[in-house]
Protein backbone atom coordinates (compact mmCIF):
# COMPACT_ATOMS: atom_id res chain seq x y z
CA MET A 1 -2.60 -7.80 -1.84
CA THR A 2 -6.91 -6.96 -1.43
CA ALA A 3 -6.61 -6.52 1.95
CA ALA A 4 -4.03 -4.31 1.83
CA ARG A 5 -6.28 -2.25 -0.60
CA MET A 6 -8.67 -2.02 1.12
CA LEU A 7 -6.48 -1.43 4.25
CA LEU A 8 -5.17 1.87 2.60
CA GLU A 9 -8.93 3.35 1.48
CA GLU A 10 -10.39 3.26 5.17
CA LEU A 11 -7.28 4.28 6.55
CA GLY A 12 -6.59 7.19 3.84
CA GLY A 13 -9.15 8.38 1.94
CA ALA A 14 -7.99 11.74 0.93
CA GLU A 15 -4.98 12.47 2.90
CA PRO A 16 -2.14 12.40 0.97
CA TYR A 17 0.15 11.68 3.70
CA THR A 18 -1.08 8.58 4.34
CA ARG A 19 -1.94 8.07 0.21
CA SER A 20 1.85 8.11 -0.03
CA VAL A 21 1.91 6.53 3.53
CA GLY A 22 0.37 3.61 1.74
CA ALA A 23 1.61 3.61 -1.26
CA ALA A 24 4.99 3.27 0.13
CA ALA A 25 3.77 -0.10 2.48
CA THR A 26 2.26 -1.19 -0.95
CA LEU A 27 5.63 -0.85 -3.09
CA VAL A 28 7.41 -2.92 -0.20
CA VAL A 29 4.77 -5.69 -0.07
CA ARG A 30 5.09 -6.10 -3.44
CA SER A 31 9.03 -6.18 -3.10
CA SER A 32 9.00 -9.02 -0.94
CA THR A 33 6.16 -11.04 -2.31
CA ALA A 34 7.01 -10.43 -5.50
CA PRO A 35 10.24 -12.56 -7.09
CA PRO A 36 13.06 -10.76 -7.96
CA HIS A 37 12.92 -10.26 -11.85
């Protein structure tokens, strides 16, 4: 998560498109990493 967040910050500062893609990727990583409830 930390590495993904650093990568997101490096790629995406203020670009809304990159930020949206990063947020979607974060959600995918979370859902694939976290056990289903």
